[in-house]
Amino acid sequence: MAFVKDLLMNSLKELVNAELKKFQWFLVNDHACLSRSEMENANIFITVDRLVACFGPENAVKITVDILKKMNQNELAEQLENKHKQGPLTLTLCQSSEPHGKEKLIQLRKMNLN
């Protein structure tokens, strides 16, 4: 779940404050699980926590992607989708201090394709 929260945080921090408010507006109006008062003064951290608590990690990503697309933030939505599909293993290997992390990732992907 920490992986999903990190992904959502990284995506939403790309939005300027007015865009975050628009995201929260869509969230409240499209989903009864969250109230307007909960989102009124919510920062990115609170927004992500409530998203995941209300919808679960997988649906939180899907809902975020859908709202980003409604906001014409298509590139950001696509990046979030792709990173989520790659999973936490990809991020761990690519961010590792090991010099051959990316090579291991390529080997793992090849093994999964066979």
PDB file of N, CA and C in Angstrom:
ATOM      1  N   MET A   1       0.821  -1.193   0.000  1.00  0.00           N
ATOM      2  CA  MET A   1       0.000   0.000   0.000  1.00  0.00           C
ATOM      3  C   MET A   1       0.865   1.257   0.000  1.00  0.00           C
ATOM      4  N   ALA A   2       2.027   1.196   0.623  1.00  0.00           N
ATOM      5  CA  ALA A   2       2.921   2.355   0.629  1.00  0.00           C
ATOM      6  C   ALA A   2       3.334   2.710  -0.793  1.00  0.00           C
ATOM      7  N   PHE A   3       3.508   1.697  -1.629  1.00  0.00           N
ATOM      8  CA  PHE A   3       3.869   1.916  -3.028  1.00  0.00           C
ATOM      9  C   PHE A   3       2.797   2.753  -3.724  1.00  0.00           C
ATOM     10  N   VAL A   4       1.536   2.398  -3.531  1.00  0.00           N
ATOM     11  CA  VAL A   4       0.434   3.119  -4.164  1.00  0.00           C
ATOM     12  C   VAL A   4       0.365   4.545  -3.634  1.00  0.00           C
ATOM     13  N   LYS A   5       0.511   4.715  -2.335  1.00  0.00           N
ATOM     14  CA  LYS A   5       0.476   6.067  -1.767  1.00  0.00           C
ATOM     15  C   LYS A   5       1.600   6.924  -2.336  1.00  0.00           C
ATOM     16  N   ASP A   6       2.782   6.342  -2.483  1.00  0.00           N
ATOM     17  CA  ASP A   6       3.903   7.078  -3.081  1.00  0.00           C
ATOM     18  C   ASP A   6       3.589   7.478  -4.518  1.00  0.00           C
ATOM     19  N   LEU A   7       3.028   6.556  -5.283  1.00  0.00           N
ATOM     20  CA  LEU A   7       2.657   6.861  -6.669  1.00  0.00           C
ATOM     21  C   LEU A   7       1.648   8.007  -6.733  1.00  0.00           C
ATOM     22  N   LEU A   8       0.623   7.917  -5.904  1.00  0.00           N
ATOM     23  CA  LEU A   8      -0.409   8.951  -5.899  1.00  0.00           C
ATOM     24  C   LEU A   8       0.166  10.296  -5.469  1.00  0.00           C
ATOM     25  N   MET A   9       1.006  10.275  -4.448  1.00  0.00           N
ATOM     26  CA  MET A   9       1.653  11.512  -3.975  1.00  0.00           C
ATOM     27  C   MET A   9       2.468  12.142  -5.091  1.00  0.00           C
ATOM     28  N   ASN A  10       3.274  11.337  -5.755  1.00  0.00           N
ATOM     29  CA  ASN A  10       4.126  11.855  -6.821  1.00  0.00           C
ATOM     30  C   ASN A  10       3.303  12.423  -7.971  1.00  0.00           C
ATOM     31  N   SER A  11       2.171  11.822  -8.252  1.00  0.00           N
ATOM     32  CA  SER A  11       1.312  12.334  -9.324  1.00  0.00           C
ATOM     33  C   SER A  11       0.633  13.636  -8.917  1.00  0.00           C
ATOM     34  N   LEU A  12       0.050  13.653  -7.733  1.00  0.00           N
ATOM     35  CA  LEU A  12      -0.697  14.838  -7.310  1.00  0.00           C
ATOM     36  C   LEU A  12       0.200  16.030  -7.010  1.00  0.00           C
ATOM     37  N   LYS A  13       1.447  15.780  -6.637  1.00  0.00           N
ATOM     38  CA  LYS A  13       2.332  16.923  -6.356  1.00  0.00           C
ATOM     39  C   LYS A  13       2.701  17.675  -7.632  1.00  0.00           C
ATOM     40  N   GLU A  14       2.418  17.081  -8.790  1.00  0.00           N
ATOM     41  CA  GLU A  14       2.646  17.761 -10.070  1.00  0.00           C
ATOM     42  C   GLU A  14       1.569  18.813 -10.351  1.00  0.00           C
ATOM     43  N   LEU A  15       0.468  18.740  -9.629  1.00  0.00           N
ATOM     44  CA  LEU A  15      -0.627  19.688  -9.830  1.00  0.00           C
ATOM     45  C   LEU A  15      -0.377  20.963  -9.033  1.00  0.00           C
ATOM     46  N   VAL A  16      -0.673  22.103  -9.627  1.00  0.00           N
ATOM     47  CA  VAL A  16      -0.623  23.351  -8.863  1.00  0.00           C
ATOM     48  C   VAL A  16      -1.850  23.381  -7.961  1.00  0.00           C
ATOM     49  N   ASN A  17      -1.875  24.292  -7.019  1.00  0.00           N
ATOM     50  CA  ASN A  17      -2.923  24.311  -6.002  1.00  0.00           C
ATOM     51  C   ASN A  17      -4.333  24.350  -6.604  1.00  0.00           C
ATOM     52  N   ALA A  18      -4.538  25.167  -7.623  1.00  0.00           N
ATOM     53  CA  ALA A  18      -5.872  25.255  -8.246  1.00  0.00           C
ATOM     54  C   ALA A  18      -6.258  23.927  -8.893  1.00  0.00           C
ATOM     55  N   GLU A  19      -5.283  23.235  -9.468  1.00  0.00           N
ATOM     56  CA  GLU A  19      -5.560  21.933 -10.087  1.00  0.00           C
ATOM     57  C   GLU A  19      -5.861  20.883  -9.028  1.00  0.00           C
ATOM     58  N   LEU A  20      -5.179  20.955  -7.888  1.00  0.00           N
ATOM     59  CA  LEU A  20      -5.467  20.025  -6.790  1.00  0.00           C
ATOM     60  C   LEU A  20      -6.898  20.231  -6.302  1.00  0.00           C
ATOM     61  N   LYS A  21      -7.305  21.486  -6.178  1.00  0.00           N
ATOM     62  CA  LYS A  21      -8.682  21.782  -5.757  1.00  0.00           C
ATOM     63  C   LYS A  21      -9.685  21.239  -6.777  1.00  0.00           C
ATOM     64  N   LYS A  22      -9.367  21.345  -8.050  1.00  0.00           N
ATOM     65  CA  LYS A  22     -10.236  20.805  -9.100  1.00  0.00           C
ATOM     66  C   LYS A  22     -10.303  19.284  -8.996  1.00  0.00           C
ATOM     67  N   PHE A  23      -9.159  18.639  -8.750  1.00  0.00           N
ATOM     68  CA  PHE A  23      -9.108  17.189  -8.552  1.00  0.00           C
ATOM     69  C   PHE A  23     -10.016  16.802  -7.386  1.00  0.00           C
ATOM     70  N   GLN A  24      -9.898  17.529  -6.273  1.00  0.00           N
ATOM     71  CA  GLN A  24     -10.708  17.243  -5.094  1.00  0.00           C
ATOM     72  C   GLN A  24     -12.193  17.469  -5.379  1.00  0.00           C
ATOM     73  N   TRP A  25     -12.511  18.469  -6.190  1.00  0.00           N
ATOM     74  CA  TRP A  25     -13.899  18.737  -6.564  1.00  0.00           C
ATOM     75  C   TRP A  25     -14.483  17.543  -7.309  1.00  0.00           C
ATOM     76  N   PHE A  26     -13.741  17.042  -8.297  1.00  0.00           N
ATOM     77  CA  PHE A  26     -14.195  15.857  -9.031  1.00  0.00           C
ATOM     78  C   PHE A  26     -14.350  14.667  -8.079  1.00  0.00           C
ATOM     79  N   LEU A  27     -13.411  14.518  -7.184  1.00  0.00           N
ATOM     80  CA  LEU A  27     -13.429  13.404  -6.236  1.00  0.00           C
ATOM     81  C   LEU A  27     -14.699  13.433  -5.389  1.00  0.00           C
ATOM     82  N   VAL A  28     -15.021  14.578  -4.844  1.00  0.00           N
ATOM     83  CA  VAL A  28     -16.197  14.728  -3.982  1.00  0.00           C
ATOM     84  C   VAL A  28     -17.494  14.572  -4.779  1.00  0.00           C
ATOM     85  N   ASN A  29     -17.540  15.152  -5.962  1.00  0.00           N
ATOM     86  CA  ASN A  29     -18.779  15.131  -6.752  1.00  0.00           C
ATOM     87  C   ASN A  29     -19.047  13.794  -7.428  1.00  0.00           C
ATOM     88  N   ASP A  30     -18.000  13.039  -7.699  1.00  0.00           N
ATOM     89  CA  ASP A  30     -18.173  11.752  -8.380  1.00  0.00           C
ATOM     90  C   ASP A  30     -18.265  10.563  -7.426  1.00  0.00           C
ATOM     91  N   HIS A  31     -17.901  10.768  -6.170  1.00  0.00           N
ATOM     92  CA  HIS A  31     -17.821   9.642  -5.228  1.00  0.00           C
ATOM     93  C   HIS A  31     -18.384  10.050  -3.864  1.00  0.00           C
ATOM     94  N   ALA A  32     -19.434   9.377  -3.452  1.00  0.00           N
ATOM     95  CA  ALA A  32     -20.126   9.713  -2.208  1.00  0.00           C
ATOM     96  C   ALA A  32     -19.319   9.376  -0.958  1.00  0.00           C
ATOM     97  N   CYS A  33     -18.285   8.590  -1.111  1.00  0.00           N
ATOM     98  CA  CYS A  33     -17.489   8.156   0.042  1.00  0.00           C
ATOM     99  C   CYS A  33     -16.769   9.329   0.724  1.00  0.00           C
ATOM    100  N   LEU A  34     -16.494  10.370  -0.043  1.00  0.00           N
ATOM    101  CA  LEU A  34     -15.781  11.528   0.497  1.00  0.00           C
ATOM    102  C   LEU A  34     -16.699  12.744   0.510  1.00  0.00           C
ATOM    103  N   SER A  35     -16.663  13.465   1.621  1.00  0.00           N
ATOM    104  CA  SER A  35     -17.522  14.643   1.736  1.00  0.00           C
ATOM    105  C   SER A  35     -16.757  15.914   1.367  1.00  0.00           C
ATOM    106  N   ARG A  36     -17.516  16.921   1.028  1.00  0.00           N
ATOM    107  CA  ARG A  36     -16.937  18.221   0.688  1.00  0.00           C
ATOM    108  C   ARG A  36     -16.131  18.778   1.867  1.00  0.00           C
ATOM    109  N   SER A  37     -16.640  18.609   3.081  1.00  0.00           N
ATOM    110  CA  SER A  37     -15.943  19.139   4.258  1.00  0.00           C
ATOM    111  C   SER A  37     -14.607  18.427   4.495  1.00  0.00           C
ATOM    112  N   GLU A  38     -14.530  17.143   4.143  1.00  0.00           N
ATOM    113  CA  GLU A  38     -13.268  16.407   4.287  1.00  0.00           C
ATOM    114  C   GLU A  38     -12.186  16.950   3.356  1.00  0.00           C
ATOM    115  N   MET A  39     -12.603  17.390   2.189  1.00  0.00           N
ATOM    116  CA  MET A  39     -11.647  17.816   1.164  1.00  0.00           C
ATOM    117  C   MET A  39     -11.399  19.322   1.160  1.00  0.00           C
ATOM    118  N   GLU A  40     -12.212  20.063   1.893  1.00  0.00           N
ATOM    119  CA  GLU A  40     -12.160  21.528   1.821  1.00  0.00           C
ATOM    120  C   GLU A  40     -10.760  22.094   2.060  1.00  0.00           C
ATOM    121  N   ASN A  41     -10.107  21.669   3.107  1.00  0.00           N
ATOM    122  CA  ASN A  41      -8.764  22.175   3.417  1.00  0.00           C
ATOM    123  C   ASN A  41      -7.707  21.080   3.343  1.00  0.00           C
ATOM    124  N   ALA A  42      -8.010  20.024   2.629  1.00  0.00           N
ATOM    125  CA  ALA A  42      -7.100  18.873   2.568  1.00  0.00           C
ATOM    126  C   ALA A  42      -5.900  19.175   1.673  1.00  0.00           C
ATOM    127  N   ASN A  43      -4.721  18.839   2.182  1.00  0.00           N
ATOM    128  CA  ASN A  43      -3.511  18.938   1.368  1.00  0.00           C
ATOM    129  C   ASN A  43      -3.327  17.622   0.611  1.00  0.00           C
ATOM    130  N   ILE A  44      -2.216  17.487  -0.073  1.00  0.00           N
ATOM    131  CA  ILE A  44      -1.967  16.274  -0.864  1.00  0.00           C
ATOM    132  C   ILE A  44      -1.931  15.033   0.026  1.00  0.00           C
ATOM    133  N   PHE A  45      -1.289  15.128   1.184  1.00  0.00           N
ATOM    134  CA  PHE A  45      -1.147  13.977   2.081  1.00  0.00           C
ATOM    135  C   PHE A  45      -2.511  13.468   2.538  1.00  0.00           C
ATOM    136  N   ILE A  46      -3.352  14.387   2.967  1.00  0.00           N
ATOM    137  CA  ILE A  46      -4.689  14.009   3.440  1.00  0.00           C
ATOM    138  C   ILE A  46      -5.521  13.450   2.285  1.00  0.00           C
ATOM    139  N   THR A  47      -5.411  14.074   1.125  1.00  0.00           N
ATOM    140  CA  THR A  47      -6.157  13.607  -0.046  1.00  0.00           C
ATOM    141  C   THR A  47      -5.793  12.165  -0.379  1.00  0.00           C
ATOM    142  N   VAL A  48      -4.499  11.874  -0.415  1.00  0.00           N
ATOM    143  CA  VAL A  48      -4.041  10.512  -0.729  1.00  0.00           C
ATOM    144  C   VAL A  48      -4.490   9.531   0.349  1.00  0.00           C
ATOM    145  N   ASP A  49      -4.319   9.889   1.610  1.00  0.00           N
ATOM    146  CA  ASP A  49      -4.734   9.001   2.704  1.00  0.00           C
ATOM    147  C   ASP A  49      -6.224   8.682   2.617  1.00  0.00           C
ATOM    148  N   ARG A  50      -7.040   9.683   2.354  1.00  0.00           N
ATOM    149  CA  ARG A  50      -8.492   9.468   2.286  1.00  0.00           C
ATOM    150  C   ARG A  50      -8.885   8.675   1.046  1.00  0.00           C
ATOM    151  N   LEU A  51      -8.198   8.938  -0.055  1.00  0.00           N
ATOM    152  CA  LEU A  51      -8.448   8.167  -1.282  1.00  0.00           C
ATOM    153  C   LEU A  51      -8.236   6.678  -1.034  1.00  0.00           C
ATOM    154  N   VAL A  52      -7.085   6.341  -0.466  1.00  0.00           N
ATOM    155  CA  VAL A  52      -6.730   4.939  -0.244  1.00  0.00           C
ATOM    156  C   VAL A  52      -7.625   4.317   0.828  1.00  0.00           C
ATOM    157  N   ALA A  53      -7.918   5.059   1.889  1.00  0.00           N
ATOM    158  CA  ALA A  53      -8.771   4.532   2.959  1.00  0.00           C
ATOM    159  C   ALA A  53     -10.190   4.273   2.457  1.00  0.00           C
ATOM    160  N   CYS A  54     -10.678   5.137   1.613  1.00  0.00           N
ATOM    161  CA  CYS A  54     -12.060   5.036   1.134  1.00  0.00           C
ATOM    162  C   CYS A  54     -12.229   3.978   0.042  1.00  0.00           C
ATOM    163  N   PHE A  55     -11.263   3.895  -0.871  1.00  0.00           N
ATOM    164  CA  PHE A  55     -11.432   3.056  -2.060  1.00  0.00           C
ATOM    165  C   PHE A  55     -10.494   1.862  -2.138  1.00  0.00           C
ATOM    166  N   GLY A  56      -9.478   1.814  -1.279  1.00  0.00           N
ATOM    167  CA  GLY A  56      -8.469   0.763  -1.384  1.00  0.00           C
ATOM    168  C   GLY A  56      -7.419   1.170  -2.402  1.00  0.00           C
ATOM    169  N   PRO A  57      -6.236   0.547  -2.342  1.00  0.00           N
ATOM    170  CA  PRO A  57      -5.124   0.980  -3.193  1.00  0.00           C
ATOM    171  C   PRO A  57      -5.394   0.892  -4.694  1.00  0.00           C
ATOM    172  N   GLU A  58      -5.935  -0.227  -5.154  1.00  0.00           N
ATOM    173  CA  GLU A  58      -6.134  -0.409  -6.595  1.00  0.00           C
ATOM    174  C   GLU A  58      -7.164   0.569  -7.157  1.00  0.00           C
ATOM    175  N   ASN A  59      -8.294   0.685  -6.485  1.00  0.00           N
ATOM    176  CA  ASN A  59      -9.335   1.607  -6.952  1.00  0.00           C
ATOM    177  C   ASN A  59      -8.907   3.058  -6.814  1.00  0.00           C
ATOM    178  N   ALA A  60      -8.093   3.371  -5.810  1.00  0.00           N
ATOM    179  CA  ALA A  60      -7.597   4.742  -5.647  1.00  0.00           C
ATOM    180  C   ALA A  60      -6.778   5.156  -6.863  1.00  0.00           C
ATOM    181  N   VAL A  61      -5.962   4.245  -7.373  1.00  0.00           N
ATOM    182  CA  VAL A  61      -5.171   4.536  -8.575  1.00  0.00           C
ATOM    183  C   VAL A  61      -6.104   4.723  -9.768  1.00  0.00           C
ATOM    184  N   LYS A  62      -7.050   3.816  -9.932  1.00  0.00           N
ATOM    185  CA  LYS A  62      -7.987   3.898 -11.068  1.00  0.00           C
ATOM    186  C   LYS A  62      -8.775   5.206 -11.032  1.00  0.00           C
ATOM    187  N   ILE A  63      -9.277   5.563  -9.871  1.00  0.00           N
ATOM    188  CA  ILE A  63     -10.056   6.795  -9.721  1.00  0.00           C
ATOM    189  C   ILE A  63      -9.183   8.015 -10.003  1.00  0.00           C
ATOM    190  N   THR A  64      -7.962   7.998  -9.509  1.00  0.00           N
ATOM    191  CA  THR A  64      -7.045   9.112  -9.754  1.00  0.00           C
ATOM    192  C   THR A  64      -6.765   9.263 -11.243  1.00  0.00           C
ATOM    193  N   VAL A  65      -6.504   8.155 -11.918  1.00  0.00           N
ATOM    194  CA  VAL A  65      -6.266   8.185 -13.369  1.00  0.00           C
ATOM    195  C   VAL A  65      -7.494   8.752 -14.085  1.00  0.00           C
ATOM    196  N   ASP A  66      -8.677   8.289 -13.721  1.00  0.00           N
ATOM    197  CA  ASP A  66      -9.913   8.767 -14.356  1.00  0.00           C
ATOM    198  C   ASP A  66     -10.096  10.273 -14.169  1.00  0.00           C
ATOM    199  N   ILE A  67      -9.862  10.749 -12.955  1.00  0.00           N
ATOM    200  CA  ILE A  67     -10.031  12.185 -12.688  1.00  0.00           C
ATOM    201  C   ILE A  67      -8.972  13.000 -13.422  1.00  0.00           C
ATOM    202  N   LEU A  68      -7.734  12.527 -13.429  1.00  0.00           N
ATOM    203  CA  LEU A  68      -6.686  13.245 -14.158  1.00  0.00           C
ATOM    204  C   LEU A  68      -7.044  13.367 -15.639  1.00  0.00           C
ATOM    205  N   LYS A  69      -7.627  12.320 -16.200  1.00  0.00           N
ATOM    206  CA  LYS A  69      -8.056  12.378 -17.608  1.00  0.00           C
ATOM    207  C   LYS A  69      -9.178  13.394 -17.798  1.00  0.00           C
ATOM    208  N   LYS A  70     -10.125  13.448 -16.861  1.00  0.00           N
ATOM    209  CA  LYS A  70     -11.198  14.448 -16.932  1.00  0.00           C
ATOM    210  C   LYS A  70     -10.632  15.865 -16.912  1.00  0.00           C
ATOM    211  N   MET A  71      -9.513  16.023 -16.225  1.00  0.00           N
ATOM    212  CA  MET A  71      -8.869  17.332 -16.100  1.00  0.00           C
ATOM    213  C   MET A  71      -7.918  17.616 -17.265  1.00  0.00           C
ATOM    214  N   ASN A  72      -7.896  16.731 -18.243  1.00  0.00           N
ATOM    215  CA  ASN A  72      -6.976  16.828 -19.387  1.00  0.00           C
ATOM    216  C   ASN A  72      -5.512  16.756 -18.969  1.00  0.00           C
ATOM    217  N   GLN A  73      -5.257  16.073 -17.882  1.00  0.00           N
ATOM    218  CA  GLN A  73      -3.892  15.798 -17.428  1.00  0.00           C
ATOM    219  C   GLN A  73      -3.528  14.396 -17.921  1.00  0.00           C
ATOM    220  N   ASN A  74      -3.634  14.212 -19.238  1.00  0.00           N
ATOM    221  CA  ASN A  74      -3.493  12.884 -19.833  1.00  0.00           C
ATOM    222  C   ASN A  74      -2.094  12.295 -19.666  1.00  0.00           C
ATOM    223  N   GLU A  75      -1.076  13.119 -19.806  1.00  0.00           N
ATOM    224  CA  GLU A  75       0.291  12.616 -19.656  1.00  0.00           C
ATOM    225  C   GLU A  75       0.539  12.139 -18.226  1.00  0.00           C
ATOM    226  N   LEU A  76       0.072  12.914 -17.274  1.00  0.00           N
ATOM    227  CA  LEU A  76       0.218  12.540 -15.866  1.00  0.00           C
ATOM    228  C   LEU A  76      -0.564  11.258 -15.569  1.00  0.00           C
ATOM    229  N   ALA A  77      -1.757  11.142 -16.123  1.00  0.00           N
ATOM    230  CA  ALA A  77      -2.577   9.937 -15.939  1.00  0.00           C
ATOM    231  C   ALA A  77      -1.877   8.718 -16.522  1.00  0.00           C
ATOM    232  N   GLU A  78      -1.300   8.875 -17.700  1.00  0.00           N
ATOM    233  CA  GLU A  78      -0.601   7.766 -18.356  1.00  0.00           C
ATOM    234  C   GLU A  78       0.640   7.352 -17.565  1.00  0.00           C
ATOM    235  N   GLN A  79       1.375   8.326 -17.059  1.00  0.00           N
ATOM    236  CA  GLN A  79       2.559   8.012 -16.249  1.00  0.00           C
ATOM    237  C   GLN A  79       2.167   7.227 -15.005  1.00  0.00           C
ATOM    238  N   LEU A  80       1.109   7.663 -14.341  1.00  0.00           N
ATOM    239  CA  LEU A  80       0.640   6.967 -13.140  1.00  0.00           C
ATOM    240  C   LEU A  80       0.229   5.538 -13.481  1.00  0.00           C
ATOM    241  N   GLU A  81      -0.525   5.366 -14.546  1.00  0.00           N
ATOM    242  CA  GLU A  81      -0.954   4.027 -14.972  1.00  0.00           C
ATOM    243  C   GLU A  81       0.241   3.123 -15.245  1.00  0.00           C
ATOM    244  N   ASN A  82       1.199   3.632 -15.991  1.00  0.00           N
ATOM    245  CA  ASN A  82       2.376   2.835 -16.353  1.00  0.00           C
ATOM    246  C   ASN A  82       3.211   2.458 -15.136  1.00  0.00           C
ATOM    247  N   LYS A  83       3.431   3.406 -14.247  1.00  0.00           N
ATOM    248  CA  LYS A  83       4.221   3.116 -13.040  1.00  0.00           C
ATOM    249  C   LYS A  83       3.501   2.107 -12.154  1.00  0.00           C
ATOM    250  N   HIS A  84       2.182   2.220 -12.088  1.00  0.00           N
ATOM    251  CA  HIS A  84       1.408   1.282 -11.276  1.00  0.00           C
ATOM    252  C   HIS A  84       1.477  -0.126 -11.859  1.00  0.00           C
ATOM    253  N   LYS A  85       1.398  -0.227 -13.189  1.00  0.00           N
ATOM    254  CA  LYS A  85       1.488  -1.535 -13.845  1.00  0.00           C
ATOM    255  C   LYS A  85       2.857  -2.173 -13.642  1.00  0.00           C
ATOM    256  N   GLN A  86       3.897  -1.352 -13.616  1.00  0.00           N
ATOM    257  CA  GLN A  86       5.252  -1.874 -13.436  1.00  0.00           C
ATOM    258  C   GLN A  86       5.445  -2.440 -12.035  1.00  0.00           C
ATOM    259  N   GLY A  87       4.771  -1.865 -11.063  1.00  0.00           N
ATOM    260  CA  GLY A  87       4.815  -2.386  -9.708  1.00  0.00           C
ATOM    261  C   GLY A  87       6.012  -1.924  -8.906  1.00  0.00           C
ATOM    262  N   PRO A  88       6.011  -2.259  -7.610  1.00  0.00           N
ATOM    263  CA  PRO A  88       7.063  -1.795  -6.700  1.00  0.00           C
ATOM    264  C   PRO A  88       8.433  -2.381  -7.009  1.00  0.00           C
ATOM    265  N   LEU A  89       8.501  -3.569  -7.596  1.00  0.00           N
ATOM    266  CA  LEU A  89       9.787  -4.187  -7.904  1.00  0.00           C
ATOM    267  C   LEU A  89      10.578  -3.317  -8.863  1.00  0.00           C
ATOM    268  N   THR A  90       9.908  -2.756  -9.848  1.00  0.00           N
ATOM    269  CA  THR A  90      10.564  -1.898 -10.829  1.00  0.00           C
ATOM    270  C   THR A  90      11.190  -0.693 -10.147  1.00  0.00           C
ATOM    271  N   LEU A  91      10.432  -0.033  -9.299  1.00  0.00           N
ATOM    272  CA  LEU A  91      10.958   1.148  -8.620  1.00  0.00           C
ATOM    273  C   LEU A  91      12.125   0.791  -7.724  1.00  0.00           C
ATOM    274  N   THR A  92      12.013  -0.312  -7.021  1.00  0.00           N
ATOM    275  CA  THR A  92      13.080  -0.736  -6.121  1.00  0.00           C
ATOM    276  C   THR A  92      14.364  -0.994  -6.888  1.00  0.00           C
ATOM    277  N   LEU A  93      14.281  -1.726  -7.987  1.00  0.00           N
ATOM    278  CA  LEU A  93      15.480  -2.039  -8.759  1.00  0.00           C
ATOM    279  C   LEU A  93      16.071  -0.803  -9.417  1.00  0.00           C
ATOM    280  N   CYS A  94      15.241   0.046  -9.964  1.00  0.00           N
ATOM    281  CA  CYS A  94      15.744   1.233 -10.658  1.00  0.00           C
ATOM    282  C   CYS A  94      16.336   2.245  -9.687  1.00  0.00           C
ATOM    283  N   GLN A  95      15.812   2.308  -8.472  1.00  0.00           N
ATOM    284  CA  GLN A  95      16.296   3.276  -7.506  1.00  0.00           C
ATOM    285  C   GLN A  95      17.411   2.708  -6.636  1.00  0.00           C
ATOM    286  N   SER A  96      17.692   1.430  -6.791  1.00  0.00           N
ATOM    287  CA  SER A  96      18.686   0.806  -5.931  1.00  0.00           C
ATOM    288  C   SER A  96      20.061   1.389  -6.199  1.00  0.00           C
ATOM    289  N   SER A  97      20.909   1.333  -5.199  1.00  0.00           N
ATOM    290  CA  SER A  97      22.271   1.845  -5.348  1.00  0.00           C
ATOM    291  C   SER A  97      23.143   0.839  -6.081  1.00  0.00           C
ATOM    292  N   GLU A  98      22.592  -0.345  -6.311  1.00  0.00           N
ATOM    293  CA  GLU A  98      23.318  -1.370  -7.042  1.00  0.00           C
ATOM    294  C   GLU A  98      23.538  -0.913  -8.477  1.00  0.00           C
ATOM    295  N   PRO A  99      24.759  -1.018  -8.979  1.00  0.00           N
ATOM    296  CA  PRO A  99      25.020  -0.527 -10.329  1.00  0.00           C
ATOM    297  C   PRO A  99      24.297  -1.312 -11.418  1.00  0.00           C
ATOM    298  N   HIS A 100      23.868  -2.525 -11.136  1.00  0.00           N
ATOM    299  CA  HIS A 100      23.252  -3.361 -12.164  1.00  0.00           C
ATOM    300  C   HIS A 100      21.753  -3.537 -11.951  1.00  0.00           C
ATOM    301  N   GLY A 101      21.138  -2.632 -11.218  1.00  0.00           N
ATOM    302  CA  GLY A 101      19.704  -2.737 -10.937  1.00  0.00           C
ATOM    303  C   GLY A 101      18.860  -2.762 -12.191  1.00  0.00           C
ATOM    304  N   LYS A 102      19.176  -1.910 -13.161  1.00  0.00           N
ATOM    305  CA  LYS A 102      18.389  -1.863 -14.398  1.00  0.00           C
ATOM    306  C   LYS A 102      18.591  -3.125 -15.225  1.00  0.00           C
ATOM    307  N   GLU A 103      19.800  -3.661 -15.217  1.00  0.00           N
ATOM    308  CA  GLU A 103      20.050  -4.904 -15.948  1.00  0.00           C
ATOM    309  C   GLU A 103      19.238  -6.053 -15.354  1.00  0.00           C
ATOM    310  N   LYS A 104      19.151  -6.104 -14.027  1.00  0.00           N
ATOM    311  CA  LYS A 104      18.351  -7.143 -13.372  1.00  0.00           C
ATOM    312  C   LYS A 104      16.878  -6.990 -13.748  1.00  0.00           C
ATOM    313  N   LEU A 105      16.422  -5.747 -13.819  1.00  0.00           N
ATOM    314  CA  LEU A 105      15.043  -5.490 -14.192  1.00  0.00           C
ATOM    315  C   LEU A 105      14.765  -6.014 -15.596  1.00  0.00           C
ATOM    316  N   ILE A 106      15.663  -5.762 -16.520  1.00  0.00           N
ATOM    317  CA  ILE A 106      15.498  -6.240 -17.895  1.00  0.00           C
ATOM    318  C   ILE A 106      15.453  -7.764 -17.923  1.00  0.00           C
ATOM    319  N   GLN A 107      16.333  -8.415 -17.150  1.00  0.00           N
ATOM    320  CA  GLN A 107      16.342  -9.876 -17.094  1.00  0.00           C
ATOM    321  C   GLN A 107      15.018 -10.400 -16.543  1.00  0.00           C
ATOM    322  N   LEU A 108      14.508  -9.769 -15.484  1.00  0.00           N
ATOM    323  CA  LEU A 108      13.239 -10.198 -14.896  1.00  0.00           C
ATOM    324  C   LEU A 108      12.093 -10.048 -15.888  1.00  0.00           C
ATOM    325  N   ARG A 109      12.092  -8.955 -16.623  1.00  0.00           N
ATOM    326  CA  ARG A 109      11.032  -8.750 -17.609  1.00  0.00           C
ATOM    327  C   ARG A 109      11.094  -9.804 -18.702  1.00  0.00           C
ATOM    328  N   LYS A 110      12.304 -10.135 -19.152  1.00  0.00           N
ATOM    329  CA  LYS A 110      12.459 -11.162 -20.181  1.00  0.00           C
ATOM    330  C   LYS A 110      11.952 -12.503 -19.673  1.00  0.00           C
ATOM    331  N   MET A 111      12.245 -12.817 -18.405  1.00  0.00           N
ATOM    332  CA  MET A 111      11.792 -14.080 -17.822  1.00  0.00           C
ATOM    333  C   MET A 111      10.265 -14.116 -17.768  1.00  0.00           C
ATOM    334  N   ASN A 112       9.638 -12.988 -17.443  1.00  0.00           N
ATOM    335  CA  ASN A 112       8.178 -12.938 -17.358  1.00  0.00           C
ATOM    336  C   ASN A 112       7.514 -13.054 -18.720  1.00  0.00           C
ATOM    337  N   LEU A 113       8.211 -12.651 -19.769  1.00  0.00           N
ATOM    338  CA  LEU A 113       7.650 -12.736 -21.117  1.00  0.00           C
ATOM    339  C   LEU A 113       7.687 -14.153 -21.661  1.00  0.00           C
ATOM    340  N   ASN A 114       8.609 -14.971 -21.163  1.00  0.00           N
ATOM    341  CA  ASN A 114       8.745 -16.353 -21.663  1.00  0.00           C
ATOM    342  C   ASN A 114       7.784 -17.290 -20.990  1.00  0.00           C
TER     343      ASN A 114
END
